[in-house]
N, C-alpha and C. Protein backbone atom coordinates (compact mmCIF):
# COMPACT_ATOMS: atom_id res chain seq x y z
N MET A 1 30.30 -62.06 -23.10
CA MET A 1 30.83 -60.74 -23.37
C MET A 1 31.55 -60.23 -22.11
N ALA A 2 32.72 -59.68 -22.29
CA ALA A 2 33.53 -59.21 -21.17
C ALA A 2 33.38 -57.70 -20.99
N ILE A 3 33.50 -57.28 -19.75
CA ILE A 3 33.40 -55.87 -19.41
C ILE A 3 34.76 -55.41 -18.89
N SER A 4 35.17 -54.22 -19.29
CA SER A 4 36.40 -53.64 -18.80
C SER A 4 36.12 -52.22 -18.30
N TYR A 5 36.69 -51.91 -17.14
CA TYR A 5 36.55 -50.58 -16.57
C TYR A 5 37.88 -49.81 -16.65
N LYS A 6 38.76 -50.20 -17.57
CA LYS A 6 40.04 -49.51 -17.73
C LYS A 6 39.84 -48.02 -17.97
N LYS A 7 38.80 -47.70 -18.74
CA LYS A 7 38.52 -46.28 -19.04
C LYS A 7 38.24 -45.50 -17.76
N LEU A 8 37.57 -46.14 -16.80
CA LEU A 8 37.28 -45.49 -15.53
C LEU A 8 38.57 -45.16 -14.79
N TRP A 9 39.47 -46.13 -14.72
CA TRP A 9 40.73 -45.91 -13.98
C TRP A 9 41.58 -44.84 -14.65
N LYS A 10 41.57 -44.80 -15.98
CA LYS A 10 42.30 -43.76 -16.70
C LYS A 10 41.69 -42.39 -16.43
N LEU A 11 40.36 -42.35 -16.39
CA LEU A 11 39.67 -41.09 -16.11
C LEU A 11 40.00 -40.58 -14.70
N LEU A 12 40.06 -41.49 -13.75
CA LEU A 12 40.42 -41.10 -12.38
C LEU A 12 41.82 -40.52 -12.34
N ILE A 13 42.75 -41.14 -13.07
CA ILE A 13 44.11 -40.62 -13.14
C ILE A 13 44.11 -39.21 -13.74
N ASP A 14 43.37 -39.04 -14.83
CA ASP A 14 43.29 -37.73 -15.48
C ASP A 14 42.73 -36.66 -14.54
N LYS A 15 41.80 -37.06 -13.69
CA LYS A 15 41.17 -36.11 -12.76
C LYS A 15 41.90 -36.05 -11.42
N ASP A 16 43.03 -36.78 -11.32
CA ASP A 16 43.84 -36.83 -10.10
C ASP A 16 43.01 -37.29 -8.90
N LEU A 17 42.24 -38.34 -9.11
CA LEU A 17 41.41 -38.91 -8.05
C LEU A 17 41.84 -40.33 -7.74
N LYS A 18 41.62 -40.74 -6.49
CA LYS A 18 41.89 -42.12 -6.09
C LYS A 18 40.55 -42.87 -6.01
N LYS A 19 40.64 -44.18 -5.91
CA LYS A 19 39.43 -44.99 -5.80
C LYS A 19 38.59 -44.57 -4.59
N LYS A 20 39.27 -44.25 -3.50
CA LYS A 20 38.58 -43.82 -2.28
C LYS A 20 37.82 -42.52 -2.53
N ASP A 21 38.42 -41.61 -3.33
CA ASP A 21 37.75 -40.35 -3.67
C ASP A 21 36.48 -40.64 -4.47
N LEU A 22 36.60 -41.56 -5.42
CA LEU A 22 35.44 -41.92 -6.24
C LEU A 22 34.33 -42.49 -5.37
N GLN A 23 34.71 -43.34 -4.44
CA GLN A 23 33.73 -43.95 -3.54
C GLN A 23 32.94 -42.88 -2.79
N LYS A 24 33.63 -41.88 -2.29
CA LYS A 24 32.97 -40.80 -1.54
C LYS A 24 32.14 -39.91 -2.46
N LEU A 25 32.71 -39.52 -3.60
CA LEU A 25 32.01 -38.63 -4.53
C LEU A 25 30.72 -39.25 -5.06
N ALA A 26 30.79 -40.54 -5.39
CA ALA A 26 29.65 -41.22 -5.99
C ALA A 26 28.70 -41.81 -4.96
N GLY A 27 29.16 -41.90 -3.72
CA GLY A 27 28.32 -42.48 -2.67
C GLY A 27 28.10 -43.97 -2.87
N ILE A 28 29.18 -44.67 -3.24
CA ILE A 28 29.07 -46.12 -3.46
C ILE A 28 29.94 -46.86 -2.46
N SER A 29 29.70 -48.14 -2.31
CA SER A 29 30.40 -48.94 -1.30
C SER A 29 31.78 -49.38 -1.77
N SER A 30 32.61 -49.77 -0.82
CA SER A 30 33.93 -50.27 -1.15
C SER A 30 33.81 -51.60 -1.90
N ALA A 31 32.73 -52.34 -1.64
CA ALA A 31 32.50 -53.60 -2.36
C ALA A 31 32.29 -53.33 -3.85
N SER A 32 31.60 -52.25 -4.17
CA SER A 32 31.39 -51.88 -5.58
C SER A 32 32.72 -51.51 -6.24
N ILE A 33 33.57 -50.78 -5.52
CA ILE A 33 34.89 -50.41 -6.04
C ILE A 33 35.70 -51.68 -6.31
N THR A 34 35.61 -52.64 -5.40
CA THR A 34 36.33 -53.91 -5.57
C THR A 34 35.83 -54.65 -6.81
N LYS A 35 34.53 -54.71 -7.00
CA LYS A 35 33.96 -55.36 -8.18
C LYS A 35 34.45 -54.69 -9.46
N LEU A 36 34.45 -53.35 -9.46
CA LEU A 36 34.92 -52.61 -10.63
C LEU A 36 36.38 -52.94 -10.91
N GLY A 37 37.17 -53.04 -9.84
CA GLY A 37 38.59 -53.36 -9.99
C GLY A 37 38.84 -54.74 -10.56
N LYS A 38 37.88 -55.64 -10.38
CA LYS A 38 37.99 -57.01 -10.91
C LYS A 38 37.23 -57.18 -12.22
N ASN A 39 36.76 -56.06 -12.79
CA ASN A 39 35.97 -56.10 -14.03
C ASN A 39 34.74 -56.99 -13.91
N GLU A 40 34.13 -56.99 -12.73
CA GLU A 40 32.92 -57.77 -12.51
C GLU A 40 31.69 -56.91 -12.77
N ASN A 41 30.55 -57.56 -12.93
CA ASN A 41 29.31 -56.83 -13.18
C ASN A 41 28.90 -56.03 -11.94
N VAL A 42 28.45 -54.80 -12.19
CA VAL A 42 27.89 -53.98 -11.12
C VAL A 42 26.54 -53.45 -11.60
N ASN A 43 25.72 -53.08 -10.67
CA ASN A 43 24.39 -52.56 -10.94
C ASN A 43 24.47 -51.28 -11.78
N THR A 44 23.53 -51.10 -12.68
CA THR A 44 23.52 -49.89 -13.51
C THR A 44 23.33 -48.64 -12.65
N GLU A 45 22.70 -48.77 -11.52
CA GLU A 45 22.54 -47.63 -10.61
C GLU A 45 23.92 -47.15 -10.13
N ILE A 46 24.81 -48.09 -9.86
CA ILE A 46 26.18 -47.74 -9.44
C ILE A 46 26.89 -47.00 -10.56
N LEU A 47 26.78 -47.51 -11.78
CA LEU A 47 27.40 -46.87 -12.93
C LEU A 47 26.85 -45.47 -13.15
N ALA A 48 25.56 -45.29 -12.95
CA ALA A 48 24.94 -43.99 -13.11
C ALA A 48 25.46 -43.01 -12.05
N LYS A 49 25.64 -43.47 -10.83
CA LYS A 49 26.17 -42.63 -9.76
C LYS A 49 27.60 -42.18 -10.09
N ILE A 50 28.39 -43.11 -10.63
CA ILE A 50 29.77 -42.78 -11.01
C ILE A 50 29.78 -41.74 -12.12
N CYS A 51 28.94 -41.94 -13.13
CA CYS A 51 28.86 -40.99 -14.24
C CYS A 51 28.45 -39.61 -13.76
N LYS A 52 27.48 -39.56 -12.85
CA LYS A 52 27.03 -38.27 -12.31
C LYS A 52 28.15 -37.60 -11.53
N ALA A 53 28.85 -38.37 -10.70
CA ALA A 53 29.93 -37.82 -9.87
C ALA A 53 31.09 -37.30 -10.72
N LEU A 54 31.38 -38.00 -11.82
CA LEU A 54 32.51 -37.61 -12.66
C LEU A 54 32.09 -36.76 -13.85
N ASN A 55 30.78 -36.50 -13.95
CA ASN A 55 30.24 -35.69 -15.05
C ASN A 55 30.68 -36.25 -16.41
N CYS A 56 30.36 -37.53 -16.62
CA CYS A 56 30.76 -38.18 -17.85
C CYS A 56 29.65 -39.13 -18.32
N ASP A 57 29.86 -39.73 -19.47
CA ASP A 57 28.92 -40.68 -20.04
C ASP A 57 29.38 -42.09 -19.71
N ILE A 58 28.47 -43.04 -19.76
CA ILE A 58 28.82 -44.42 -19.42
C ILE A 58 29.92 -44.99 -20.34
N ALA A 59 29.94 -44.55 -21.58
CA ALA A 59 30.97 -45.01 -22.52
C ALA A 59 32.35 -44.48 -22.13
N ASP A 60 32.40 -43.47 -21.26
CA ASP A 60 33.68 -42.92 -20.81
C ASP A 60 34.30 -43.75 -19.68
N ILE A 61 33.52 -44.66 -19.10
CA ILE A 61 34.05 -45.42 -17.95
C ILE A 61 34.12 -46.92 -18.16
N MET A 62 33.47 -47.41 -19.21
CA MET A 62 33.48 -48.87 -19.43
C MET A 62 33.41 -49.20 -20.90
N GLU A 63 33.81 -50.43 -21.22
CA GLU A 63 33.64 -50.92 -22.57
C GLU A 63 33.33 -52.41 -22.51
N MET A 64 32.63 -52.88 -23.50
CA MET A 64 32.28 -54.29 -23.59
C MET A 64 32.87 -54.86 -24.87
N SER A 65 33.38 -56.08 -24.75
CA SER A 65 33.99 -56.70 -25.90
C SER A 65 33.95 -58.21 -25.74
N ASP A 66 34.07 -58.90 -26.86
CA ASP A 66 34.11 -60.37 -26.81
C ASP A 66 35.43 -60.86 -26.21
N ASP A 67 36.48 -60.04 -26.36
CA ASP A 67 37.79 -60.49 -25.87
C ASP A 67 38.57 -59.33 -25.28
N VAL A 68 38.00 -58.66 -24.28
CA VAL A 68 38.68 -57.57 -23.62
C VAL A 68 39.89 -58.12 -22.87
N LYS A 69 41.05 -57.50 -23.08
CA LYS A 69 42.25 -57.92 -22.35
C LYS A 69 42.23 -57.29 -20.97
N ARG A 70 42.52 -58.09 -19.98
CA ARG A 70 42.47 -57.59 -18.59
C ARG A 70 43.84 -57.34 -18.06
């Protein structure tokens, strides 16, 4: 099953935020931002921090599919 964080990047654009802003707001490492950018697996704690920082639900930042286009 593939994971896509396209929804996260669209949400950042809508909120006029950069990846660096997200890193600071959520208190996560640059390595986590890099993993997200590559659609790699990240810890659920990281996802929870992002959701809290952006005041959104996990479904607002990621999606899972058998054939997610990257």
